[in-house]
Amino acid sequence: MNISQAIIKRIEGLCQERNMTINALCNISGVTQSTVNDIMNGKTYNTGIATIKKLCDGIGISILDFFDCDLFSNLEQEIK
């Protein structure tokens, strides 16, 4: 799994845990729907940390909580 796929799965999981739609996440985090759609559809490979921080603020967690997940433990090597 690469970092982009892990971020998508993490956002999906956090939204499911909170019974929150992606649209609701956009509204409370202040991140545009098009930006989140691009992330979730894999069009944005390098999601900026500022965007992830805004999403975390909307969900009500810290950046540390976001990345403190097994999804990020065994990522593919990015440099080949």
N, C-alpha and C. Protein backbone atom coordinates (compact mmCIF):
# COMPACT_ATOMS: atom_id res chain seq x y z
N MET A 1 0.85 -1.17 0.00
CA MET A 1 0.00 0.00 0.00
C MET A 1 0.90 1.24 0.00
N ASN A 2 0.50 2.24 -0.78
CA ASN A 2 1.27 3.48 -0.78
C ASN A 2 0.61 4.50 0.14
N ILE A 3 1.27 5.64 0.33
CA ILE A 3 0.80 6.65 1.28
C ILE A 3 -0.57 7.19 0.88
N SER A 4 -0.80 7.39 -0.39
CA SER A 4 -2.08 7.91 -0.87
C SER A 4 -3.22 6.95 -0.53
N GLN A 5 -3.01 5.68 -0.76
CA GLN A 5 -4.03 4.67 -0.45
C GLN A 5 -4.28 4.60 1.05
N ALA A 6 -3.23 4.73 1.85
CA ALA A 6 -3.37 4.69 3.30
C ALA A 6 -4.18 5.90 3.80
N ILE A 7 -3.92 7.06 3.23
CA ILE A 7 -4.66 8.26 3.63
C ILE A 7 -6.14 8.11 3.29
N ILE A 8 -6.44 7.59 2.11
CA ILE A 8 -7.83 7.37 1.70
C ILE A 8 -8.52 6.42 2.68
N LYS A 9 -7.89 5.30 2.97
CA LYS A 9 -8.48 4.32 3.89
C LYS A 9 -8.66 4.90 5.29
N ARG A 10 -7.72 5.70 5.73
CA ARG A 10 -7.80 6.30 7.06
C ARG A 10 -8.97 7.28 7.13
N ILE A 11 -9.11 8.13 6.13
CA ILE A 11 -10.23 9.08 6.11
C ILE A 11 -11.56 8.33 6.07
N GLU A 12 -11.64 7.32 5.22
CA GLU A 12 -12.88 6.52 5.14
C GLU A 12 -13.21 5.90 6.49
N GLY A 13 -12.21 5.32 7.13
CA GLY A 13 -12.42 4.66 8.42
C GLY A 13 -12.85 5.63 9.50
N LEU A 14 -12.21 6.79 9.55
CA LEU A 14 -12.56 7.78 10.56
C LEU A 14 -13.98 8.31 10.36
N CYS A 15 -14.35 8.51 9.11
CA CYS A 15 -15.72 8.97 8.82
C CYS A 15 -16.74 7.90 9.21
N GLN A 16 -16.44 6.65 8.90
CA GLN A 16 -17.35 5.56 9.27
C GLN A 16 -17.51 5.46 10.78
N GLU A 17 -16.40 5.57 11.51
CA GLU A 17 -16.45 5.49 12.97
C GLU A 17 -17.36 6.56 13.56
N ARG A 18 -17.43 7.71 12.89
CA ARG A 18 -18.19 8.84 13.40
C ARG A 18 -19.53 9.03 12.69
N ASN A 19 -19.89 8.05 11.84
CA ASN A 19 -21.13 8.15 11.06
C ASN A 19 -21.20 9.49 10.32
N MET A 20 -20.10 9.85 9.69
CA MET A 20 -19.96 11.13 9.01
C MET A 20 -19.73 10.88 7.52
N THR A 21 -20.42 11.63 6.70
CA THR A 21 -20.18 11.53 5.27
C THR A 21 -18.97 12.37 4.89
N ILE A 22 -18.43 12.08 3.72
CA ILE A 22 -17.32 12.88 3.21
C ILE A 22 -17.77 14.32 3.03
N ASN A 23 -19.00 14.52 2.57
CA ASN A 23 -19.53 15.88 2.39
C ASN A 23 -19.58 16.61 3.73
N ALA A 24 -20.02 15.93 4.78
CA ALA A 24 -20.07 16.55 6.11
C ALA A 24 -18.66 16.91 6.58
N LEU A 25 -17.70 16.04 6.31
CA LEU A 25 -16.31 16.32 6.67
C LEU A 25 -15.82 17.58 5.96
N CYS A 26 -16.15 17.73 4.70
CA CYS A 26 -15.76 18.92 3.95
C CYS A 26 -16.33 20.16 4.61
N ASN A 27 -17.60 20.10 4.95
CA ASN A 27 -18.28 21.26 5.53
C ASN A 27 -17.68 21.68 6.87
N ILE A 28 -17.39 20.72 7.75
CA ILE A 28 -16.90 21.10 9.06
C ILE A 28 -15.40 21.40 9.08
N SER A 29 -14.67 20.90 8.09
CA SER A 29 -13.22 21.11 8.06
C SER A 29 -12.81 22.33 7.24
N GLY A 30 -13.71 22.78 6.37
CA GLY A 30 -13.38 23.92 5.52
C GLY A 30 -12.54 23.55 4.30
N VAL A 31 -12.41 22.27 4.04
CA VAL A 31 -11.70 21.81 2.84
C VAL A 31 -12.74 21.63 1.74
N THR A 32 -12.44 22.14 0.56
CA THR A 32 -13.43 22.09 -0.51
C THR A 32 -13.76 20.66 -0.90
N GLN A 33 -14.99 20.49 -1.35
CA GLN A 33 -15.46 19.18 -1.81
C GLN A 33 -14.57 18.65 -2.94
N SER A 34 -14.16 19.53 -3.85
CA SER A 34 -13.33 19.08 -4.97
C SER A 34 -11.97 18.58 -4.50
N THR A 35 -11.41 19.23 -3.50
CA THR A 35 -10.12 18.78 -2.96
C THR A 35 -10.25 17.41 -2.32
N VAL A 36 -11.28 17.23 -1.51
CA VAL A 36 -11.48 15.94 -0.84
C VAL A 36 -11.82 14.86 -1.86
N ASN A 37 -12.63 15.20 -2.86
CA ASN A 37 -12.94 14.23 -3.92
C ASN A 37 -11.68 13.80 -4.64
N ASP A 38 -10.79 14.74 -4.94
CA ASP A 38 -9.54 14.40 -5.60
C ASP A 38 -8.68 13.48 -4.74
N ILE A 39 -8.67 13.72 -3.43
CA ILE A 39 -7.93 12.84 -2.52
C ILE A 39 -8.55 11.45 -2.53
N MET A 40 -9.86 11.39 -2.35
CA MET A 40 -10.56 10.12 -2.21
C MET A 40 -10.58 9.31 -3.51
N ASN A 41 -10.49 9.99 -4.64
CA ASN A 41 -10.47 9.30 -5.94
C ASN A 41 -9.06 8.99 -6.42
N GLY A 42 -8.06 9.32 -5.60
CA GLY A 42 -6.67 9.03 -5.96
C GLY A 42 -6.08 9.98 -6.97
N LYS A 43 -6.75 11.09 -7.26
CA LYS A 43 -6.22 12.06 -8.22
C LYS A 43 -5.12 12.91 -7.60
N THR A 44 -5.19 13.08 -6.28
CA THR A 44 -4.16 13.82 -5.55
C THR A 44 -3.29 12.80 -4.84
N TYR A 45 -2.06 12.65 -5.32
CA TYR A 45 -1.17 11.66 -4.72
C TYR A 45 -0.48 12.22 -3.48
N ASN A 46 -0.09 13.48 -3.53
CA ASN A 46 0.63 14.11 -2.41
C ASN A 46 -0.29 15.06 -1.67
N THR A 47 -1.09 14.52 -0.78
CA THR A 47 -1.98 15.35 0.02
C THR A 47 -1.14 16.17 0.98
N GLY A 48 -1.34 17.46 0.98
CA GLY A 48 -0.57 18.35 1.84
C GLY A 48 -0.90 18.16 3.31
N ILE A 49 0.09 18.36 4.14
CA ILE A 49 -0.09 18.18 5.58
C ILE A 49 -1.07 19.21 6.12
N ALA A 50 -1.13 20.40 5.54
CA ALA A 50 -2.08 21.42 5.98
C ALA A 50 -3.52 20.95 5.71
N THR A 51 -3.72 20.28 4.59
CA THR A 51 -5.05 19.75 4.27
C THR A 51 -5.42 18.63 5.24
N ILE A 52 -4.48 17.76 5.51
CA ILE A 52 -4.74 16.67 6.47
C ILE A 52 -5.04 17.26 7.84
N LYS A 53 -4.32 18.31 8.24
CA LYS A 53 -4.56 18.96 9.54
C LYS A 53 -5.98 19.53 9.60
N LYS A 54 -6.44 20.16 8.53
CA LYS A 54 -7.81 20.70 8.50
C LYS A 54 -8.83 19.58 8.63
N LEU A 55 -8.59 18.47 7.92
CA LEU A 55 -9.50 17.32 8.02
C LEU A 55 -9.51 16.77 9.44
N CYS A 56 -8.34 16.69 10.05
CA CYS A 56 -8.24 16.22 11.43
C CYS A 56 -9.00 17.15 12.37
N ASP A 57 -8.87 18.45 12.16
CA ASP A 57 -9.61 19.41 12.99
C ASP A 57 -11.11 19.18 12.86
N GLY A 58 -11.56 18.92 11.64
CA GLY A 58 -12.98 18.66 11.41
C GLY A 58 -13.45 17.38 12.08
N ILE A 59 -12.60 16.38 12.07
CA ILE A 59 -12.94 15.09 12.70
C ILE A 59 -12.81 15.19 14.22
N GLY A 60 -11.94 16.07 14.66
CA GLY A 60 -11.73 16.24 16.10
C GLY A 60 -10.59 15.41 16.65
N ILE A 61 -9.57 15.19 15.81
CA ILE A 61 -8.39 14.43 16.24
C ILE A 61 -7.13 15.23 15.90
N SER A 62 -6.01 14.81 16.46
CA SER A 62 -4.73 15.44 16.15
C SER A 62 -4.09 14.75 14.95
N ILE A 63 -3.10 15.41 14.40
CA ILE A 63 -2.30 14.80 13.32
C ILE A 63 -1.68 13.49 13.81
N LEU A 64 -1.19 13.51 15.03
CA LEU A 64 -0.59 12.31 15.61
C LEU A 64 -1.59 11.17 15.64
N ASP A 65 -2.83 11.46 16.03
CA ASP A 65 -3.87 10.42 16.04
C ASP A 65 -4.16 9.92 14.63
N PHE A 66 -4.12 10.81 13.66
CA PHE A 66 -4.40 10.41 12.27
C PHE A 66 -3.38 9.38 11.80
N PHE A 67 -2.10 9.66 12.04
CA PHE A 67 -1.06 8.77 11.54
C PHE A 67 -0.74 7.61 12.49
N ASP A 68 -1.30 7.62 13.68
CA ASP A 68 -1.09 6.53 14.64
C ASP A 68 -2.05 5.39 14.30
N CYS A 69 -1.74 4.71 13.23
CA CYS A 69 -2.63 3.68 12.68
C CYS A 69 -1.77 2.66 11.94
N ASP A 70 -2.15 1.41 12.00
CA ASP A 70 -1.39 0.35 11.34
C ASP A 70 -1.27 0.55 9.83
N LEU A 71 -2.19 1.30 9.24
CA LEU A 71 -2.12 1.55 7.79
C LEU A 71 -0.79 2.18 7.39
N PHE A 72 -0.20 2.95 8.29
CA PHE A 72 1.02 3.68 7.98
C PHE A 72 2.29 2.95 8.42
N SER A 73 2.13 1.74 8.92
CA SER A 73 3.29 1.00 9.44
C SER A 73 4.14 0.35 8.36
N ASN A 74 3.51 -0.15 7.31
CA ASN A 74 4.26 -0.91 6.31
C ASN A 74 4.01 -0.39 4.90
N LEU A 75 4.26 0.89 4.71
CA LEU A 75 4.03 1.49 3.40
C LEU A 75 5.10 1.07 2.42
N GLU A 76 4.73 1.09 1.15
CA GLU A 76 5.69 0.79 0.08
C GLU A 76 6.80 1.85 0.07
N GLN A 77 7.95 1.44 -0.36
CA GLN A 77 9.08 2.35 -0.55
C GLN A 77 8.70 3.36 -1.63
N GLU A 78 8.84 4.65 -1.37
CA GLU A 78 8.50 5.67 -2.35
C GLU A 78 9.65 5.95 -3.33
N ILE A 79 10.85 5.74 -2.88
CA ILE A 79 12.02 5.95 -3.74
C ILE A 79 12.40 4.62 -4.37
N LYS A 80 12.41 4.62 -5.68
CA LYS A 80 12.71 3.36 -6.37
C LYS A 80 13.88 3.50 -7.31
